[in-house]
Each structure stands twice: as C-alpha cells, then as structure tokens.
C-alpha atoms as a PDB file:
ATOM      1  CA  SER A   1       7.689 -11.849  15.893  1.00  0.00           C
ATOM      2  CA  ASP A   2       4.407 -11.883  17.805  1.00  0.00           C
ATOM      3  CA  ASP A   3       5.818  -9.428  20.334  1.00  0.00           C
ATOM      4  CA  ASP A   4       6.778  -6.991  17.595  1.00  0.00           C
ATOM      5  CA  GLY A   5       3.241  -6.878  16.240  1.00  0.00           C
ATOM      6  CA  SER A   6       1.383  -6.555  19.524  1.00  0.00           C
ATOM      7  CA  ALA A   7       1.733  -2.800  19.976  1.00  0.00           C
ATOM      8  CA  GLY A   8       0.419  -2.035  16.493  1.00  0.00           C
ATOM      9  CA  GLU A   9      -2.497  -4.356  17.089  1.00  0.00           C
ATOM     10  CA  GLU A  10      -3.585  -2.398  20.144  1.00  0.00           C
ATOM     11  CA  ASP A  11      -3.542   0.854  18.201  1.00  0.00           C
ATOM     12  CA  VAL A  12      -5.914  -0.320  15.489  1.00  0.00           C
ATOM     13  CA  THR A  13      -8.036  -2.891  17.266  1.00  0.00           C
ATOM     14  CA  GLY A  14     -10.744  -0.543  18.514  1.00  0.00           C
ATOM     15  CA  GLU A  15     -13.500  -3.057  19.068  1.00  0.00           C
ATOM     16  CA  SER A  16     -13.737  -6.781  18.525  1.00  0.00           C
ATOM     17  CA  ALA A  17     -16.134  -8.357  16.064  1.00  0.00           C
ATOM     18  CA  GLU A  18     -18.460  -9.372  18.877  1.00  0.00           C
ATOM     19  CA  SER A  19     -18.683  -5.924  20.466  1.00  0.00           C
ATOM     20  CA  VAL A  20     -19.757  -4.207  17.245  1.00  0.00           C
ATOM     21  CA  ALA A  21     -22.501  -6.657  16.419  1.00  0.00           C
ATOM     22  CA  ASP A  22     -25.161  -4.371  17.871  1.00  0.00           C
ATOM     23  CA  VAL A  23     -24.026  -1.224  16.061  1.00  0.00           C
ATOM     24  CA  GLU A  24     -26.405  -0.057  13.346  1.00  0.00           C
ATOM     25  CA  GLU A  25     -24.023   0.856  10.565  1.00  0.00           C
ATOM     26  CA  ASP A  26     -23.128  -0.473   7.149  1.00  0.00           C
ATOM     27  CA  ASP A  27     -19.905  -2.416   6.795  1.00  0.00           C
ATOM     28  CA  ILE A  28     -18.729  -0.835   3.564  1.00  0.00           C
ATOM     29  CA  SER A  29     -15.029  -1.399   4.090  1.00  0.00           C
ATOM     30  CA  ILE A  30     -14.832  -3.666   1.057  1.00  0.00           C
ATOM     31  CA  ASN A  31     -16.262  -0.896  -1.112  1.00  0.00           C
ATOM     32  CA  LEU A  32     -13.470   1.421  -0.030  1.00  0.00           C
ATOM     33  CA  LEU A  33     -10.975  -0.673  -1.963  1.00  0.00           C
ATOM     34  CA  ASP A  34     -10.239  -0.029  -5.609  1.00  0.00           C
ATOM     35  CA  VAL A  35     -12.428  -2.099  -7.915  1.00  0.00           C
ATOM     36  CA  ASP A  36      -9.480  -4.076  -9.299  1.00  0.00           C
ATOM     37  CA  LEU A  37      -7.970  -4.994  -5.917  1.00  0.00           C
ATOM     38  CA  GLN A  38      -9.791  -8.296  -5.468  1.00  0.00           C
ATOM     39  CA  GLN A  39      -9.118  -9.218  -9.093  1.00  0.00           C
ATOM     40  CA  CYS A  40      -5.422  -8.480  -8.588  1.00  0.00           C
ATOM     41  CA  VAL A  41      -5.309 -10.753  -5.527  1.00  0.00           C
ATOM     42  CA  THR A  42      -7.216 -13.463  -7.394  1.00  0.00           C
ATOM     43  CA  ASN A  43      -4.685 -13.304 -10.228  1.00  0.00           C
ATOM     44  CA  LEU A  44      -1.744 -13.530  -7.824  1.00  0.00           C
ATOM     45  CA  ILE A  45      -3.145 -16.693  -6.217  1.00  0.00           C
ATOM     46  CA  ARG A  46      -4.221 -18.202  -9.539  1.00  0.00           C
ATOM     47  CA  ASP A  47      -0.834 -17.654 -11.188  1.00  0.00           C
ATOM     48  CA  ASP A  48       1.114 -19.010  -8.214  1.00  0.00           C
ATOM     49  CA  ALA A  49       3.216 -21.804  -9.741  1.00  0.00           C
ATOM     50  CA  CYS A  50       5.014 -22.613  -6.497  1.00  0.00           C
ATOM     51  CA  GLU A  51       4.930 -26.300  -5.500  1.00  0.00           C
ATOM     52  CA  ARG A  52       4.148 -25.258  -1.914  1.00  0.00           C
ATOM     53  CA  ARG A  53       1.337 -22.971  -3.163  1.00  0.00           C
ATOM     54  CA  CYS A  54       2.775 -20.301  -0.877  1.00  0.00           C
ATOM     55  CA  LEU A  55      -0.036 -17.817  -1.607  1.00  0.00           C
ATOM     56  CA  GLN A  56      -2.883 -20.258  -1.038  1.00  0.00           C
ATOM     57  CA  GLY A  57      -5.245 -19.144   1.734  1.00  0.00           C
ATOM     58  CA  LYS A  58      -3.589 -15.715   1.955  1.00  0.00           C
ATOM     59  CA  ALA A  59      -6.224 -13.614   0.162  1.00  0.00           C
ATOM     60  CA  GLY A  60      -6.779 -11.290   3.117  1.00  0.00           C
ATOM     61  CA  GLU A  61      -3.072 -10.774   3.702  1.00  0.00           C
ATOM     62  CA  LEU A  62      -2.485 -10.150  -0.014  1.00  0.00           C
ATOM     63  CA  GLU A  63      -5.249  -7.530  -0.005  1.00  0.00           C
ATOM     64  CA  TRP A  64      -3.519  -5.623   2.787  1.00  0.00           C
ATOM     65  CA  LEU A  65      -0.160  -5.826   1.007  1.00  0.00           C
ATOM     66  CA  THR A  66      -1.541  -4.837  -2.399  1.00  0.00           C
ATOM     67  CA  CYS A  67      -3.582  -1.999  -0.919  1.00  0.00           C
ATOM     68  CA  SER A  68      -0.544  -0.694   0.980  1.00  0.00           C
ATOM     69  CA  LEU A  69       1.673  -0.808  -2.103  1.00  0.00           C
ATOM     70  CA  GLY A  70      -1.028   0.953  -4.104  1.00  0.00           C
ATOM     71  CA  GLN A  71      -0.824   3.941  -1.774  1.00  0.00           C
ATOM     72  CA  MET A  72       2.927   4.308  -2.265  1.00  0.00           C
ATOM     73  CA  SER A  73       4.684   6.432  -4.827  1.00  0.00           C
ATOM     74  CA  LYS A  74       7.200   4.669  -7.061  1.00  0.00           C
ATOM     75  CA  LEU A  75      10.016   6.058  -4.927  1.00  0.00           C
ATOM     76  CA  GLU A  76       8.403   4.873  -1.674  1.00  0.00           C
ATOM     77  CA  LYS A  77       7.785   1.418  -3.109  1.00  0.00           C
ATOM     78  CA  THR A  78      11.386   1.086  -4.314  1.00  0.00           C
ATOM     79  CA  THR A  79      12.707   2.159  -0.910  1.00  0.00           C
ATOM     80  CA  CYS A  80      10.369  -0.344   0.761  1.00  0.00           C
ATOM     81  CA  ILE A  81      11.656  -3.222  -1.398  1.00  0.00           C
ATOM     82  CA  LEU A  82      15.306  -2.244  -0.913  1.00  0.00           C
ATOM     83  CA  THR A  83      14.839  -2.061   2.857  1.00  0.00           C
ATOM     84  CA  LEU A  84      13.029  -5.401   2.910  1.00  0.00           C
ATOM     85  CA  LEU A  85      15.811  -7.061   0.914  1.00  0.00           C
ATOM     86  CA  GLY A  86      18.431  -5.477   3.153  1.00  0.00           C
ATOM     87  CA  VAL A  87      16.824  -7.136   6.173  1.00  0.00           C
ATOM     88  CA  LEU A  88      16.243 -10.520   4.501  1.00  0.00           C
ATOM     89  CA  MET A  89      19.848 -10.683   3.303  1.00  0.00           C
ATOM     90  CA  GLN A  90      21.007 -10.446   6.936  1.00  0.00           C
ATOM     91  CA  THR A  91      18.780 -13.191   8.341  1.00  0.00           C
ATOM     92  CA  ASP A  92      20.148 -16.382   9.859  1.00  0.00           C
ATOM     93  CA  THR A  93      18.958 -18.355   6.823  1.00  0.00           C
ATOM     94  CA  ALA A  94      21.094 -16.384   4.354  1.00  0.00           C
ATOM     95  CA  GLU A  95      23.910 -18.366   2.741  1.00  0.00           C
ATOM     96  CA  ARG A  96      26.608 -16.180   1.221  1.00  0.00           C
ATOM     97  CA  ARG A  97      28.464 -18.250  -1.358  1.00  0.00           C
ATOM     98  CA  CYS A  98      28.880 -15.578  -3.984  1.00  0.00           C
ATOM     99  CA  GLY A  99      32.663 -16.015  -3.966  1.00  0.00           C
ATOM    100  CA  ASN A 100      32.327 -19.616  -5.168  1.00  0.00           C
ATOM    101  CA  GLY A 101      30.196 -18.721  -8.153  1.00  0.00           C
ATOM    102  CA  GLU A 102      26.973 -19.621  -6.360  1.00  0.00           C
ATOM    103  CA  ARG A 103      24.283 -17.055  -5.839  1.00  0.00           C
ATOM    104  CA  GLU A 104      23.326 -15.754  -2.448  1.00  0.00           C
ATOM    105  CA  LYS A 105      20.423 -17.716  -0.981  1.00  0.00           C
ATOM    106  CA  PHE A 106      17.915 -16.716   1.671  1.00  0.00           C
ATOM    107  CA  HIS A 107      14.245 -17.168   2.449  1.00  0.00           C
ATOM    108  CA  TYR A 108      11.868 -14.542   1.101  1.00  0.00           C
ATOM    109  CA  TYR A 109       9.221 -13.016   3.349  1.00  0.00           C
ATOM    110  CA  LEU A 110       6.508 -10.461   2.571  1.00  0.00           C
ATOM    111  CA  PRO A 111       4.751  -8.160   5.069  1.00  0.00           C
ATOM    112  CA  PHE A 112       1.425  -9.688   6.229  1.00  0.00           C
ATOM    113  CA  VAL A 113       1.874 -12.719   3.914  1.00  0.00           C
ATOM    114  CA  GLY A 114       4.911 -14.437   5.423  1.00  0.00           C
ATOM    115  CA  ARG A 115       7.326 -16.768   3.655  1.00  0.00           C
ATOM    116  CA  VAL A 116       6.959 -17.041  -0.123  1.00  0.00           C
ATOM    117  CA  CYS A 117       8.973 -18.330  -3.070  1.00  0.00           C
ATOM    118  CA  ARG A 118      11.239 -16.006  -5.042  1.00  0.00           C
ATOM    119  CA  PRO A 119       8.931 -15.607  -8.095  1.00  0.00           C
ATOM    120  CA  SER A 120       5.926 -14.828  -5.865  1.00  0.00           C
ATOM    121  CA  PHE A 121       8.013 -12.318  -3.915  1.00  0.00           C
ATOM    122  CA  ALA A 122       8.623 -10.346  -7.105  1.00  0.00           C
ATOM    123  CA  ARG A 123       5.073 -10.692  -8.475  1.00  0.00           C
ATOM    124  CA  CYS A 124       3.406  -9.616  -5.228  1.00  0.00           C
ATOM    125  CA  LEU A 125       5.617  -6.522  -5.130  1.00  0.00           C
ATOM    126  CA  GLY A 126       4.784  -5.743  -8.756  1.00  0.00           C
ATOM    127  CA  VAL A 127       8.325  -5.983 -10.135  1.00  0.00           C
ATOM    128  CA  GLN A 128      10.258  -8.327 -12.403  1.00  0.00           C
ATOM    129  CA  PRO A 129      12.672 -10.950 -10.976  1.00  0.00           C
ATOM    130  CA  LEU A 130      15.535  -9.146 -12.750  1.00  0.00           C
ATOM    131  CA  THR A 131      14.587  -5.977 -10.876  1.00  0.00           C
ATOM    132  CA  ILE A 132      14.925  -7.871  -7.592  1.00  0.00           C
ATOM    133  CA  GLN A 133      18.379  -9.025  -8.698  1.00  0.00           C
ATOM    134  CA  ARG A 134      19.361  -5.436  -9.472  1.00  0.00           C
ATOM    135  CA  TYR A 135      18.050  -4.256  -6.088  1.00  0.00           C
ATOM    136  CA  LYS A 136      20.007  -7.007  -4.309  1.00  0.00           C
ATOM    137  CA  LYS A 137      23.201  -5.824  -5.988  1.00  0.00           C
ATOM    138  CA  ARG A 138      22.468  -2.281  -4.815  1.00  0.00           C
ATOM    139  CA  VAL A 139      22.002  -3.540  -1.254  1.00  0.00           C
ATOM    140  CA  ARG A 140      25.250  -5.527  -1.427  1.00  0.00           C
ATOM    141  CA  ASP A 141      26.966  -2.330  -2.538  1.00  0.00           C
ATOM    142  CA  GLY A 142      25.844  -0.752   0.735  1.00  0.00           C
ATOM    143  CA  ASN A 143      22.931   1.410  -0.409  1.00  0.00           C
ATOM    144  CA  ILE A 144      19.214   0.988   0.340  1.00  0.00           C
ATOM    145  CA  ALA A 145      18.240   4.473  -0.885  1.00  0.00           C
ATOM    146  CA  ALA A 146      16.275   4.581  -4.125  1.00  0.00           C
ATOM    147  CA  LYS A 147      17.700   6.544  -7.023  1.00  0.00           C
ATOM    148  CA  VAL A 148      15.770   9.784  -7.507  1.00  0.00           C
ATOM    149  CA  HIS A 149      16.079  11.302 -10.978  1.00  0.00           C
ATOM    150  CA  GLY A 150      19.850  10.959 -11.071  1.00  0.00           C
ATOM    151  CA  ASN A 151      20.056  11.667  -7.336  1.00  0.00           C
ATOM    152  CA  ARG A 152      18.429  15.065  -7.857  1.00  0.00           C
ATOM    153  CA  LEU A 153      15.096  16.177  -6.496  1.00  0.00           C
ATOM    154  CA  ASN A 154      12.240  16.228  -9.011  1.00  0.00           C
ATOM    155  CA  LYS A 155      11.933  19.987  -9.514  1.00  0.00           C
ATOM    156  CA  ASN A 156       8.314  19.853 -10.687  1.00  0.00           C
ATOM    157  CA  ALA A 157       7.261  17.764  -7.686  1.00  0.00           C
ATOM    158  CA  SER A 158       9.125  20.047  -5.291  1.00  0.00           C
ATOM    159  CA  LYS A 159       7.135  23.061  -6.510  1.00  0.00           C
ATOM    160  CA  ILE A 160       3.748  21.522  -5.668  1.00  0.00           C
ATOM    161  CA  ASP A 161       1.997  23.262  -2.784  1.00  0.00           C
ATOM    162  CA  LEU A 162       0.975  20.108  -0.927  1.00  0.00           C
ATOM    163  CA  ALA A 163      -0.640  21.978   1.968  1.00  0.00           C
ATOM    164  CA  TRP A 164      -2.872  23.889  -0.454  1.00  0.00           C
ATOM    165  CA  LEU A 165      -3.731  20.730  -2.424  1.00  0.00           C
ATOM    166  CA  VAL A 166      -4.783  18.798   0.707  1.00  0.00           C
ATOM    167  CA  LYS A 167      -6.779  21.777   2.015  1.00  0.00           C
ATOM    168  CA  TRP A 168      -8.596  22.157  -1.305  1.00  0.00           C
ATOM    169  CA  PHE A 169      -9.415  18.441  -1.494  1.00  0.00           C
ATOM    170  CA  LYS A 170     -10.778  18.294   2.057  1.00  0.00           C
ATOM    171  CA  GLU A 171     -12.960  21.365   1.486  1.00  0.00           C
ATOM    172  CA  PHE A 172     -14.207  19.986  -1.836  1.00  0.00           C
ATOM    173  CA  ALA A 173     -14.973  16.600  -0.244  1.00  0.00           C
ATOM    174  CA  ALA A 174     -16.838  18.285   2.621  1.00  0.00           C
ATOM    175  CA  GLU A 175     -18.989  20.109   0.071  1.00  0.00           C
ATOM    176  CA  VAL A 176     -19.940  17.214  -2.222  1.00  0.00           C
ATOM    177  CA  GLY A 177     -19.280  14.137  -0.071  1.00  0.00           C
ATOM    178  CA  GLU A 178     -21.028  12.365   2.776  1.00  0.00           C
ATOM    179  CA  VAL A 179     -19.434  11.561   6.133  1.00  0.00           C
ATOM    180  CA  VAL A 180     -20.092   7.915   7.001  1.00  0.00           C
ATOM    181  CA  PRO A 181     -18.965   5.896  10.055  1.00  0.00           C
ATOM    182  CA  VAL A 182     -17.152   2.881   8.689  1.00  0.00           C
ATOM    183  CA  ARG A 183     -16.042  -0.365  10.260  1.00  0.00           C
ATOM    184  CA  VAL A 184     -12.471  -0.922   9.089  1.00  0.00           C
ATOM    185  CA  ARG A 185     -11.623  -4.596   9.114  1.00  0.00           C
ATOM    186  CA  MET A 186      -8.207  -5.985   9.925  1.00  0.00           C
ATOM    187  CA  GLN A 187      -7.088  -9.537  10.432  1.00  0.00           C
ATOM    188  CA  LYS A 188      -3.999 -11.110  11.878  1.00  0.00           C
ATOM    189  CA  THR A 189      -2.830 -14.714  11.926  1.00  0.00           C
ATOM    190  CA  LYS A 190      -1.450 -15.836  15.273  1.00  0.00           C
ATOM    191  CA  ASP A 191      -0.555 -19.435  16.087  1.00  0.00           C
ATOM    192  CA  GLY A 192      -2.332 -20.521  12.921  1.00  0.00           C
ATOM    193  CA  VAL A 193      -5.592 -18.843  13.946  1.00  0.00           C
ATOM    194  CA  VAL A 194      -6.975 -15.920  11.944  1.00  0.00           C
ATOM    195  CA  LYS A 195      -8.350 -13.216  14.227  1.00  0.00           C
ATOM    196  CA  LYS A 196     -10.432 -10.339  12.886  1.00  0.00           C
ATOM    197  CA  TYR A 197     -10.518  -6.895  14.430  1.00  0.00           C
ATOM    198  CA  TYR A 198     -12.605  -3.828  13.775  1.00  0.00           C
ATOM    199  CA  SER A 199     -12.166  -0.141  14.383  1.00  0.00           C
ATOM    200  CA  ARG A 200     -14.642   2.657  13.680  1.00  0.00           C
ATOM    201  CA  GLU A 201     -13.549   5.644  11.643  1.00  0.00           C
ATOM    202  CA  ASP A 202     -15.339   8.457   9.851  1.00  0.00           C
ATOM    203  CA  TYR A 203     -14.832   8.433   6.095  1.00  0.00           C
ATOM    204  CA  THR A 204     -15.949  11.059   3.608  1.00  0.00           C
ATOM    205  CA  LEU A 205     -17.380   9.246   0.605  1.00  0.00           C
ATOM    206  CA  LEU A 206     -17.595  11.078  -2.701  1.00  0.00           C
ATOM    207  CA  PRO A 207     -20.403  10.234  -5.162  1.00  0.00           C
ATOM    208  CA  ALA A 208     -19.715   7.200  -7.351  1.00  0.00           C
ATOM    209  CA  THR A 209     -20.011   9.437 -10.422  1.00  0.00           C
ATOM    210  CA  PHE A 210     -16.591  10.896  -9.601  1.00  0.00           C
ATOM    211  CA  THR A 211     -13.321   9.517 -10.928  1.00  0.00           C
ATOM    212  CA  TRP A 212      -9.781  10.682 -10.211  1.00  0.00           C
ATOM    213  CA  GLU A 213      -9.760  12.214 -13.685  1.00  0.00           C
ATOM    214  CA  ALA A 214     -12.894  14.207 -12.855  1.00  0.00           C
ATOM    215  CA  LEU A 215     -11.444  15.288  -9.496  1.00  0.00           C
ATOM    216  CA  TYR A 216      -8.308  16.523 -11.232  1.00  0.00           C
ATOM    217  CA  ASP A 217     -10.444  18.522 -13.668  1.00  0.00           C
ATOM    218  CA  GLU A 218     -12.286  20.106 -10.723  1.00  0.00           C
ATOM    219  CA  MET A 219      -8.976  21.113  -9.174  1.00  0.00           C
ATOM    220  CA  HIS A 220      -7.710  22.469 -12.493  1.00  0.00           C
ATOM    221  CA  LYS A 221     -10.847  24.589 -12.966  1.00  0.00           C
ATOM    222  CA  PHE A 222     -10.393  25.989  -9.465  1.00  0.00           C
ATOM    223  CA  VAL A 223      -6.763  26.911 -10.159  1.00  0.00           C
ATOM    224  CA  SER A 224      -7.731  28.444 -13.510  1.00  0.00           C
ATOM    225  CA  LEU A 225      -9.744  31.099 -11.697  1.00  0.00           C
ATOM    226  CA  GLY A 226      -6.470  32.894 -11.087  1.00  0.00           C
ATOM    227  CA  LEU A 227      -4.660  31.062  -8.297  1.00  0.00           C
ATOM    228  CA  ARG A 228      -0.883  31.125  -8.463  1.00  0.00           C
ATOM    229  CA  VAL A 229      -0.113  27.557  -7.414  1.00  0.00           C
ATOM    230  CA  CYS A 230       1.797  24.802  -9.186  1.00  0.00           C
ATOM    231  CA  GLU A 231      -0.536  21.984 -10.232  1.00  0.00           C
ATOM    232  CA  PRO A 232       0.637  18.373  -9.875  1.00  0.00           C
ATOM    233  CA  ALA A 233       0.539  15.967 -12.791  1.00  0.00           C
ATOM    234  CA  ARG A 234      -2.565  13.772 -12.981  1.00  0.00           C
ATOM    235  CA  SER A 235      -0.753  10.673 -11.711  1.00  0.00           C
ATOM    236  CA  THR A 236       0.944  12.637  -8.915  1.00  0.00           C
ATOM    237  CA  PHE A 237      -2.401  14.208  -7.964  1.00  0.00           C
ATOM    238  CA  ARG A 238      -3.915  10.825  -7.134  1.00  0.00           C
ATOM    239  CA  LYS A 239      -0.825   9.485  -5.349  1.00  0.00           C
ATOM    240  CA  LEU A 240      -0.479  12.533  -3.105  1.00  0.00           C
ATOM    241  CA  LEU A 241      -4.130  12.664  -2.096  1.00  0.00           C
ATOM    242  CA  SER A 242      -4.367   8.888  -1.555  1.00  0.00           C
ATOM    243  CA  VAL A 243      -1.517   9.145   0.944  1.00  0.00           C
ATOM    244  CA  HIS A 244      -2.410  12.412   2.681  1.00  0.00           C
ATOM    245  CA  CYS A 245      -6.218  12.033   2.645  1.00  0.00           C
ATOM    246  CA  PRO A 246      -6.747   8.289   3.247  1.00  0.00           C
ATOM    247  CA  ASN A 247     -10.204   8.839   4.781  1.00  0.00           C
ATOM    248  CA  ILE A 248     -11.646  10.383   1.622  1.00  0.00           C
ATOM    249  CA  LYS A 249     -12.800   7.754  -0.857  1.00  0.00           C
ATOM    250  CA  ILE A 250     -14.936   7.466  -3.961  1.00  0.00           C
ATOM    251  CA  ARG A 251     -18.001   5.274  -3.535  1.00  0.00           C
ATOM    252  CA  SER A 252     -17.809   2.110  -5.616  1.00  0.00           C
END
C-alpha cells in the first residue's frame, strides 16, 4: 500500500530533482549499472507475450527489480521468491480449488513492477515456470526456507573470512579508485504519476580497465604472499563484495 512505502521513501529521498539542479556534479548513476542490465530489461519487455502487455511502460521498475536480484546470492533469491509466493498465496484473490482437480489461482505481483501475468512473473525472476510450480508446492507444504546443500551449511563458504575480504577490497579500492559524489536516482509510481527522487552518495569508482576476474586475481596475488585465509570461489567473490560493498563500482 502507499502507507507501507512512505517510510522507505523518506529514507532514500534526500533531495528532489528540482533542488539538485544547481549542483555541479555528473549524474553517472546509469553507468553504475552492469552493462547488460538495460539489455536484459529490453528483452523482458520485448518478449512479453501477455495480452495486457503487463510489462509495458515498466522499464524503470524492471531495472530496480533486475538490479536487486543481481545482488542476491542464489540462496537469497530463492528465499525471496518463496516468501513472495507465500504472501501471494494468502491474498484475498487466491482461489483454492486444488481438491477439485483445479489448480490454485491467484494474482501475481512483483516488487516495484506490480501485477503481472504468470509467465512474466517467472521470467522477471529469472526462473522457469516449472520452478515456480515446485516452489508453490514447497510453500503449501509449510516451508518457505530454501534448501541449502541438503540442509547443511556450505563448508567452503563458511570458512571464508568475510571481514578480511571486505577490508581488503575497501583498502584496494581506496588505493586505485576515485571517490565521486553520485546522484542516485529512484522513482516511484503513486496514483498513476511517476515521481523521481535523488539522493547524494559517495561512490568509489575503479578504473574501467578492471573486471571482476582481474579483481579476483589481485586478491589471489595478495593472499599468495603468505596470508592464511580461505579464498572464496570466483563467483562467490563477486557476489559477496557486490552485497557488502555496494558503493564500490567499476566504471563503465
């Protein structure tokens, strides 16, 4: 509801579009996104086969959703989808006719985007429709917790010294990066009107010559000097630092 979103809006609003017009700074917020983000959103809208065209005009909202999902680990994303389904299956629009051989019906909603069709719900979340069916069965069985390696903690992941990794990355970024004040854009649709908000934050931008592969190699070389720490896998390296160091980005 509008009331539910008001508190979060106050936290991130900062300054309105009008009040930042006289600030001499580059609006590079678009460049902070991964290169393929806009293409991903374009593909989602283009491939929308829904008769209502439920994704039409939702490019901004889809960017926020896709960007948010991109910062989640697989486990976090699965938990997010299970929780979302658990809520949707309890809404007033849900019709439970499973006992009569008919499937359970309810309206699908996505964060930021709003109501969508069932195929778009799955595509926007990056999963197959059959996966959604499997998740719904898990929710009906009374469990919204994602399965973790046979319900056991990933031993390799648990050995990673996250505090050391974050400390190393911040020190490395401070050495080779540049601190830049950035206008972070947000938008919210209220009563059919799209309102844009801005907040100012300091980001550390690494040179565009860097990639996550190169950053991992830098970390590995540092550890090879004789440090006794457990290195994360390459994919885990990026996921952890994207979540715990969101204000450090690679220039695009």
